[in-house]
Amino acid sequence: MKQRTLIKDLPVSPSGAAQKLWRVTDGDSAHYVVTSAVYAMFSGPETYVFPADDNGVITDWGELEGSFQGALDHERAIAGYCAGAGEE
């Protein structure tokens, strides 16, 4: 099972999303993801997980496992990511 460590809160994105950078480890491997929570104009609240580098720059805009719509909840998103089998 993947383990997560919150690295830092990132600046609010241009779209108004609150973002957090996480380090995720699975055995001997480690990588970074960003959780991004925003109230989207036409679809409502959503929290997504994206692959990132160690500075918090998103490297791919394809949503990862753990992403969901209906709430703004970084902990729920990262927990869903870490519980899932999905990788970057």
N, C-alpha and C. Protein backbone atom coordinates (compact mmCIF):
# COMPACT_ATOMS: atom_id res chain seq x y z
N MET A 1 0.85 -1.19 0.00
CA MET A 1 0.00 0.00 0.00
C MET A 1 0.88 1.25 0.00
N LYS A 2 0.47 2.22 -0.74
CA LYS A 2 1.22 3.47 -0.85
C LYS A 2 1.10 4.28 0.44
N GLN A 3 2.19 4.93 0.81
CA GLN A 3 2.21 5.83 1.96
C GLN A 3 2.38 7.26 1.45
N ARG A 4 1.73 8.21 2.10
CA ARG A 4 1.78 9.59 1.63
C ARG A 4 2.34 10.51 2.71
N THR A 5 3.03 11.54 2.24
CA THR A 5 3.55 12.59 3.11
C THR A 5 3.22 13.93 2.46
N LEU A 6 2.53 14.79 3.20
CA LEU A 6 2.27 16.13 2.69
C LEU A 6 3.57 16.92 2.72
N ILE A 7 3.97 17.43 1.56
CA ILE A 7 5.19 18.23 1.47
C ILE A 7 4.88 19.70 1.76
N LYS A 8 3.88 20.25 1.06
CA LYS A 8 3.54 21.66 1.29
C LYS A 8 2.26 22.02 0.58
N ASP A 9 1.66 23.10 1.03
CA ASP A 9 0.57 23.74 0.31
C ASP A 9 1.21 24.56 -0.80
N LEU A 10 0.65 24.47 -1.98
CA LEU A 10 1.15 25.23 -3.12
C LEU A 10 0.34 26.51 -3.28
N PRO A 11 0.86 27.48 -4.02
CA PRO A 11 0.07 28.69 -4.29
C PRO A 11 -1.23 28.33 -5.01
N VAL A 12 -2.25 29.12 -4.79
CA VAL A 12 -3.52 28.93 -5.49
C VAL A 12 -3.27 29.07 -6.98
N SER A 13 -3.84 28.16 -7.76
CA SER A 13 -3.64 28.17 -9.22
C SER A 13 -4.37 29.35 -9.87
N PRO A 14 -4.05 29.66 -11.12
CA PRO A 14 -4.77 30.73 -11.82
C PRO A 14 -6.28 30.47 -11.90
N SER A 15 -6.69 29.21 -11.87
CA SER A 15 -8.13 28.89 -11.92
C SER A 15 -8.78 28.96 -10.53
N GLY A 16 -7.99 29.26 -9.50
CA GLY A 16 -8.52 29.37 -8.15
C GLY A 16 -8.46 28.07 -7.35
N ALA A 17 -7.75 27.07 -7.85
CA ALA A 17 -7.67 25.78 -7.17
C ALA A 17 -6.67 25.83 -6.02
N ALA A 18 -7.10 25.32 -4.87
CA ALA A 18 -6.19 25.10 -3.75
C ALA A 18 -5.43 23.81 -4.05
N GLN A 19 -4.10 23.85 -3.93
CA GLN A 19 -3.30 22.70 -4.32
C GLN A 19 -2.33 22.30 -3.22
N LYS A 20 -2.08 20.99 -3.13
CA LYS A 20 -1.14 20.45 -2.17
C LYS A 20 -0.21 19.48 -2.87
N LEU A 21 1.08 19.52 -2.49
CA LEU A 21 2.08 18.60 -3.03
C LEU A 21 2.31 17.47 -2.05
N TRP A 22 2.29 16.24 -2.56
CA TRP A 22 2.47 15.04 -1.75
C TRP A 22 3.61 14.20 -2.29
N ARG A 23 4.37 13.57 -1.40
CA ARG A 23 5.34 12.54 -1.77
C ARG A 23 4.69 11.21 -1.45
N VAL A 24 4.67 10.32 -2.43
CA VAL A 24 4.03 9.03 -2.27
C VAL A 24 5.08 7.94 -2.43
N THR A 25 5.17 7.05 -1.45
CA THR A 25 6.13 5.96 -1.52
C THR A 25 5.38 4.63 -1.58
N ASP A 26 5.99 3.71 -2.30
CA ASP A 26 5.45 2.36 -2.43
C ASP A 26 6.65 1.43 -2.42
N GLY A 27 6.97 0.88 -1.26
CA GLY A 27 8.19 0.09 -1.15
C GLY A 27 9.39 1.01 -1.25
N ASP A 28 10.28 0.70 -2.19
CA ASP A 28 11.50 1.50 -2.37
C ASP A 28 11.33 2.64 -3.37
N SER A 29 10.19 2.72 -4.04
CA SER A 29 10.00 3.78 -5.04
C SER A 29 9.21 4.94 -4.44
N ALA A 30 9.47 6.12 -4.99
CA ALA A 30 8.77 7.33 -4.54
C ALA A 30 8.47 8.20 -5.74
N HIS A 31 7.36 8.92 -5.67
CA HIS A 31 7.01 9.89 -6.70
C HIS A 31 6.14 10.97 -6.05
N TYR A 32 5.79 11.97 -6.83
CA TYR A 32 5.05 13.12 -6.33
C TYR A 32 3.73 13.27 -7.06
N VAL A 33 2.73 13.73 -6.33
CA VAL A 33 1.44 14.07 -6.92
C VAL A 33 0.95 15.37 -6.30
N VAL A 34 0.07 16.03 -7.02
CA VAL A 34 -0.60 17.23 -6.54
C VAL A 34 -2.08 16.93 -6.43
N THR A 35 -2.69 17.30 -5.30
CA THR A 35 -4.15 17.30 -5.22
C THR A 35 -4.60 18.73 -5.46
N SER A 36 -5.66 18.86 -6.23
CA SER A 36 -6.15 20.16 -6.67
C SER A 36 -7.65 20.22 -6.44
N ALA A 37 -8.09 21.14 -5.59
CA ALA A 37 -9.51 21.26 -5.26
C ALA A 37 -10.02 22.63 -5.69
N VAL A 38 -11.12 22.61 -6.48
CA VAL A 38 -11.66 23.86 -7.01
C VAL A 38 -13.17 23.73 -7.20
N TYR A 39 -13.85 24.83 -7.10
CA TYR A 39 -15.27 24.87 -7.44
C TYR A 39 -15.35 25.29 -8.90
N ALA A 40 -15.59 24.31 -9.79
CA ALA A 40 -15.65 24.57 -11.23
C ALA A 40 -16.99 25.22 -11.58
N MET A 41 -16.95 26.21 -12.43
CA MET A 41 -18.11 27.04 -12.73
C MET A 41 -19.34 26.24 -13.15
N PHE A 42 -19.20 25.29 -14.02
CA PHE A 42 -20.38 24.59 -14.55
C PHE A 42 -20.60 23.21 -13.96
N SER A 43 -19.60 22.67 -13.27
CA SER A 43 -19.75 21.31 -12.74
C SER A 43 -19.69 21.21 -11.23
N GLY A 44 -19.39 22.30 -10.54
CA GLY A 44 -19.37 22.29 -9.08
C GLY A 44 -18.03 21.88 -8.50
N PRO A 45 -18.01 21.46 -7.24
CA PRO A 45 -16.75 21.14 -6.57
C PRO A 45 -16.12 19.87 -7.12
N GLU A 46 -14.80 19.88 -7.20
CA GLU A 46 -14.07 18.72 -7.67
C GLU A 46 -12.67 18.72 -7.05
N THR A 47 -12.17 17.54 -6.79
CA THR A 47 -10.80 17.38 -6.28
C THR A 47 -10.12 16.31 -7.12
N TYR A 48 -9.02 16.70 -7.75
CA TYR A 48 -8.31 15.80 -8.65
C TYR A 48 -6.90 15.55 -8.16
N VAL A 49 -6.35 14.44 -8.59
CA VAL A 49 -4.97 14.06 -8.31
C VAL A 49 -4.22 14.02 -9.63
N PHE A 50 -3.07 14.70 -9.69
CA PHE A 50 -2.26 14.76 -10.91
C PHE A 50 -0.81 14.39 -10.59
N PRO A 51 -0.11 13.73 -11.53
CA PRO A 51 1.31 13.49 -11.33
C PRO A 51 2.06 14.82 -11.37
N ALA A 52 3.15 14.90 -10.60
CA ALA A 52 3.91 16.15 -10.51
C ALA A 52 5.39 15.85 -10.29
N ASP A 53 6.19 16.90 -10.41
CA ASP A 53 7.60 16.76 -10.05
C ASP A 53 7.77 17.18 -8.58
N ASP A 54 8.99 17.13 -8.08
CA ASP A 54 9.22 17.41 -6.66
C ASP A 54 9.05 18.88 -6.29
N ASN A 55 8.83 19.74 -7.29
CA ASN A 55 8.54 21.15 -7.02
C ASN A 55 7.05 21.45 -7.05
N GLY A 56 6.24 20.46 -7.40
CA GLY A 56 4.80 20.66 -7.46
C GLY A 56 4.29 21.08 -8.82
N VAL A 57 5.14 20.99 -9.84
CA VAL A 57 4.72 21.31 -11.20
C VAL A 57 4.02 20.07 -11.76
N ILE A 58 2.77 20.22 -12.18
CA ILE A 58 2.01 19.10 -12.73
C ILE A 58 2.64 18.69 -14.05
N THR A 59 2.91 17.38 -14.19
CA THR A 59 3.60 16.88 -15.37
C THR A 59 2.67 16.24 -16.40
N ASP A 60 1.42 15.99 -16.01
CA ASP A 60 0.43 15.40 -16.91
C ASP A 60 -0.95 15.77 -16.37
N TRP A 61 -1.83 16.27 -17.24
CA TRP A 61 -3.15 16.72 -16.80
C TRP A 61 -4.20 15.61 -16.80
N GLY A 62 -3.79 14.37 -17.02
CA GLY A 62 -4.71 13.25 -16.91
C GLY A 62 -4.95 12.94 -15.43
N GLU A 63 -6.21 12.91 -15.02
CA GLU A 63 -6.52 12.69 -13.61
C GLU A 63 -6.15 11.27 -13.20
N LEU A 64 -5.58 11.13 -12.02
CA LEU A 64 -5.21 9.83 -11.48
C LEU A 64 -6.32 9.28 -10.60
N GLU A 65 -6.20 8.00 -10.29
CA GLU A 65 -7.14 7.35 -9.37
C GLU A 65 -7.20 8.15 -8.07
N GLY A 66 -8.38 8.25 -7.51
CA GLY A 66 -8.61 9.05 -6.31
C GLY A 66 -9.29 10.37 -6.62
N SER A 67 -9.23 10.81 -7.87
CA SER A 67 -9.90 12.04 -8.30
C SER A 67 -11.41 11.84 -8.24
N PHE A 68 -12.13 12.90 -7.87
CA PHE A 68 -13.59 12.79 -7.79
C PHE A 68 -14.25 14.16 -7.89
N GLN A 69 -15.53 14.16 -8.17
CA GLN A 69 -16.34 15.38 -8.19
C GLN A 69 -17.33 15.33 -7.04
N GLY A 70 -17.77 16.51 -6.60
CA GLY A 70 -18.80 16.58 -5.58
C GLY A 70 -18.35 17.15 -4.25
N ALA A 71 -17.04 17.34 -4.06
CA ALA A 71 -16.54 17.91 -2.81
C ALA A 71 -15.12 18.45 -3.02
N LEU A 72 -14.71 19.28 -2.09
CA LEU A 72 -13.34 19.80 -2.06
C LEU A 72 -12.65 19.13 -0.88
N ASP A 73 -11.87 18.06 -1.12
CA ASP A 73 -11.33 17.27 -0.03
C ASP A 73 -10.00 16.61 -0.45
N HIS A 74 -8.90 17.28 -0.11
CA HIS A 74 -7.58 16.78 -0.46
C HIS A 74 -7.30 15.43 0.18
N GLU A 75 -7.67 15.27 1.46
CA GLU A 75 -7.40 14.02 2.17
C GLU A 75 -8.13 12.84 1.53
N ARG A 76 -9.37 13.04 1.14
CA ARG A 76 -10.13 11.96 0.49
C ARG A 76 -9.48 11.57 -0.83
N ALA A 77 -9.04 12.57 -1.60
CA ALA A 77 -8.43 12.29 -2.90
C ALA A 77 -7.11 11.53 -2.74
N ILE A 78 -6.24 11.99 -1.85
CA ILE A 78 -4.95 11.31 -1.70
C ILE A 78 -5.12 9.94 -1.08
N ALA A 79 -6.09 9.79 -0.19
CA ALA A 79 -6.36 8.46 0.39
C ALA A 79 -6.85 7.51 -0.70
N GLY A 80 -7.71 7.99 -1.58
CA GLY A 80 -8.20 7.17 -2.68
C GLY A 80 -7.09 6.79 -3.63
N TYR A 81 -6.20 7.72 -3.90
CA TYR A 81 -5.05 7.43 -4.75
C TYR A 81 -4.15 6.36 -4.13
N CYS A 82 -3.84 6.54 -2.85
CA CYS A 82 -2.93 5.61 -2.19
C CYS A 82 -3.55 4.23 -1.99
N ALA A 83 -4.85 4.15 -1.87
CA ALA A 83 -5.52 2.86 -1.70
C ALA A 83 -5.65 2.11 -3.02
N GLY A 84 -5.61 2.83 -4.13
CA GLY A 84 -5.83 2.22 -5.44
C GLY A 84 -4.59 1.57 -6.01
N ALA A 85 -4.79 0.87 -7.08
CA ALA A 85 -3.69 0.18 -7.76
C ALA A 85 -3.06 1.05 -8.83
N GLY A 86 -3.67 2.22 -9.11
CA GLY A 86 -3.20 3.06 -10.21
C GLY A 86 -1.84 3.66 -9.97
N GLU A 87 -1.07 3.74 -11.00
CA GLU A 87 0.23 4.39 -10.97
C GLU A 87 0.22 5.51 -11.99
N GLU A 88 1.26 6.32 -11.93
CA GLU A 88 1.37 7.41 -12.90
C GLU A 88 1.53 6.87 -14.29
